[in-house]
Amino acid sequence: MTHSDQVDDVPIGGEVIRLGQFLKYAGLLDSGGDAKEMIIDGYVQVNGDIERRRGRQLRDGDLVTVDGRTVRVRP
């Protein structure tokens, strides 16, 4: 990451959340359909790795990146 990159914390109000839900909740994508397509097509990264499982469990500290925007999962 460069100095200009910003990572926003997104509190989920619990210990875990599924990737598909988180993308909508964090405002990274508008709908579940968008989330499904972006995940399947390999446009979503979790902790720097492409993640193709919509049901991937995210926990505190996980970094999710879509379209160059990265957010951090917080409880």
C-alpha atoms as a PDB file:
ATOM      1  CA  MET A   1       0.000   0.000   0.000  1.00  0.00           C
ATOM      2  CA  THR A   2       1.165   3.486  -0.686  1.00  0.00           C
ATOM      3  CA  HIS A   3       0.877   6.370   1.728  1.00  0.00           C
ATOM      4  CA  SER A   4      -2.187   7.705  -0.085  1.00  0.00           C
ATOM      5  CA  ASP A   5      -4.106   4.449   0.322  1.00  0.00           C
ATOM      6  CA  GLN A   6      -6.686   4.592   3.058  1.00  0.00           C
ATOM      7  CA  VAL A   7      -8.063   1.647   5.003  1.00  0.00           C
ATOM      8  CA  ASP A   8     -11.398   2.276   6.698  1.00  0.00           C
ATOM      9  CA  ASP A   9     -12.531   0.216   9.693  1.00  0.00           C
ATOM     10  CA  VAL A  10     -16.023  -1.271   9.367  1.00  0.00           C
ATOM     11  CA  PRO A  11     -17.547  -2.480  12.660  1.00  0.00           C
ATOM     12  CA  ILE A  12     -19.754  -5.534  12.091  1.00  0.00           C
ATOM     13  CA  GLY A  13     -21.344  -5.693  15.539  1.00  0.00           C
ATOM     14  CA  GLY A  14     -20.229  -9.260  16.168  1.00  0.00           C
ATOM     15  CA  GLU A  15     -17.393 -11.738  15.783  1.00  0.00           C
ATOM     16  CA  VAL A  16     -17.913 -13.001  12.211  1.00  0.00           C
ATOM     17  CA  ILE A  17     -19.706 -12.031   9.005  1.00  0.00           C
ATOM     18  CA  ARG A  18     -19.883 -13.701   5.609  1.00  0.00           C
ATOM     19  CA  LEU A  19     -18.018 -12.044   2.751  1.00  0.00           C
ATOM     20  CA  GLY A  20     -21.132 -11.535   0.596  1.00  0.00           C
ATOM     21  CA  GLN A  21     -22.956  -9.835   3.458  1.00  0.00           C
ATOM     22  CA  PHE A  22     -19.958  -7.723   4.371  1.00  0.00           C
ATOM     23  CA  LEU A  23     -19.544  -6.303   0.859  1.00  0.00           C
ATOM     24  CA  LYS A  24     -23.074  -4.890   1.004  1.00  0.00           C
ATOM     25  CA  TYR A  25     -22.862  -3.856   4.665  1.00  0.00           C
ATOM     26  CA  ALA A  26     -19.581  -1.977   4.133  1.00  0.00           C
ATOM     27  CA  GLY A  27     -20.999  -0.183   1.103  1.00  0.00           C
ATOM     28  CA  LEU A  28     -18.422  -1.688  -1.247  1.00  0.00           C
ATOM     29  CA  LEU A  29     -21.166  -3.057  -3.514  1.00  0.00           C
ATOM     30  CA  ASP A  30     -24.838  -2.185  -3.931  1.00  0.00           C
ATOM     31  CA  SER A  31     -26.512  -5.589  -3.973  1.00  0.00           C
ATOM     32  CA  GLY A  32     -26.115  -9.258  -3.227  1.00  0.00           C
ATOM     33  CA  GLY A  33     -26.170  -9.955  -6.952  1.00  0.00           C
ATOM     34  CA  ASP A  34     -23.271  -7.576  -7.504  1.00  0.00           C
ATOM     35  CA  ALA A  35     -21.383  -9.214  -4.643  1.00  0.00           C
ATOM     36  CA  LYS A  36     -21.926 -12.702  -6.036  1.00  0.00           C
ATOM     37  CA  GLU A  37     -20.694 -11.724  -9.506  1.00  0.00           C
ATOM     38  CA  MET A  38     -17.655  -9.810  -8.252  1.00  0.00           C
ATOM     39  CA  ILE A  39     -16.633 -12.687  -5.958  1.00  0.00           C
ATOM     40  CA  ILE A  40     -17.100 -15.404  -8.599  1.00  0.00           C
ATOM     41  CA  ASP A  41     -15.247 -13.336 -11.213  1.00  0.00           C
ATOM     42  CA  GLY A  42     -12.246 -12.915  -8.874  1.00  0.00           C
ATOM     43  CA  TYR A  43     -12.488  -9.174  -8.223  1.00  0.00           C
ATOM     44  CA  VAL A  44     -12.565  -9.458  -4.415  1.00  0.00           C
ATOM     45  CA  GLN A  45      -9.493  -9.955  -2.258  1.00  0.00           C
ATOM     46  CA  VAL A  46      -9.317 -10.955   1.393  1.00  0.00           C
ATOM     47  CA  ASN A  47      -5.978 -10.275   3.073  1.00  0.00           C
ATOM     48  CA  GLY A  48      -4.358  -9.811  -0.341  1.00  0.00           C
ATOM     49  CA  ASP A  49      -5.600 -13.082  -1.865  1.00  0.00           C
ATOM     50  CA  ILE A  50      -8.412 -13.487  -4.390  1.00  0.00           C
ATOM     51  CA  GLU A  51     -11.435 -14.996  -2.616  1.00  0.00           C
ATOM     52  CA  ARG A  52     -14.148 -16.745  -4.630  1.00  0.00           C
ATOM     53  CA  ARG A  53     -16.265 -18.033  -1.716  1.00  0.00           C
ATOM     54  CA  ARG A  54     -19.208 -15.774  -0.917  1.00  0.00           C
ATOM     55  CA  GLY A  55     -19.655 -17.574   2.410  1.00  0.00           C
ATOM     56  CA  ARG A  56     -16.070 -16.968   3.554  1.00  0.00           C
ATOM     57  CA  GLN A  57     -16.149 -16.090   7.244  1.00  0.00           C
ATOM     58  CA  LEU A  58     -14.502 -12.751   7.973  1.00  0.00           C
ATOM     59  CA  ARG A  59     -13.111 -11.943  11.399  1.00  0.00           C
ATOM     60  CA  ASP A  60     -11.580  -8.976  13.209  1.00  0.00           C
ATOM     61  CA  GLY A  61      -8.641  -7.553  11.277  1.00  0.00           C
ATOM     62  CA  ASP A  62      -9.394  -9.138   7.891  1.00  0.00           C
ATOM     63  CA  LEU A  63      -8.767  -6.756   4.982  1.00  0.00           C
ATOM     64  CA  VAL A  64     -11.247  -6.806   2.097  1.00  0.00           C
ATOM     65  CA  THR A  65     -10.383  -5.095  -1.194  1.00  0.00           C
ATOM     66  CA  VAL A  66     -12.726  -4.331  -4.106  1.00  0.00           C
ATOM     67  CA  ASP A  67     -11.974  -1.930  -6.973  1.00  0.00           C
ATOM     68  CA  GLY A  68      -8.900  -0.555  -5.215  1.00  0.00           C
ATOM     69  CA  ARG A  69     -10.763   0.236  -1.982  1.00  0.00           C
ATOM     70  CA  THR A  70      -9.706  -1.646   1.136  1.00  0.00           C
ATOM     71  CA  VAL A  71     -11.639  -1.897   4.379  1.00  0.00           C
ATOM     72  CA  ARG A  72     -10.820  -3.662   7.661  1.00  0.00           C
ATOM     73  CA  VAL A  73     -13.287  -5.849   9.532  1.00  0.00           C
ATOM     74  CA  ARG A  74     -13.824  -4.820  13.158  1.00  0.00           C
ATOM     75  CA  PRO A  75     -16.149  -6.385  15.758  1.00  0.00           C
END
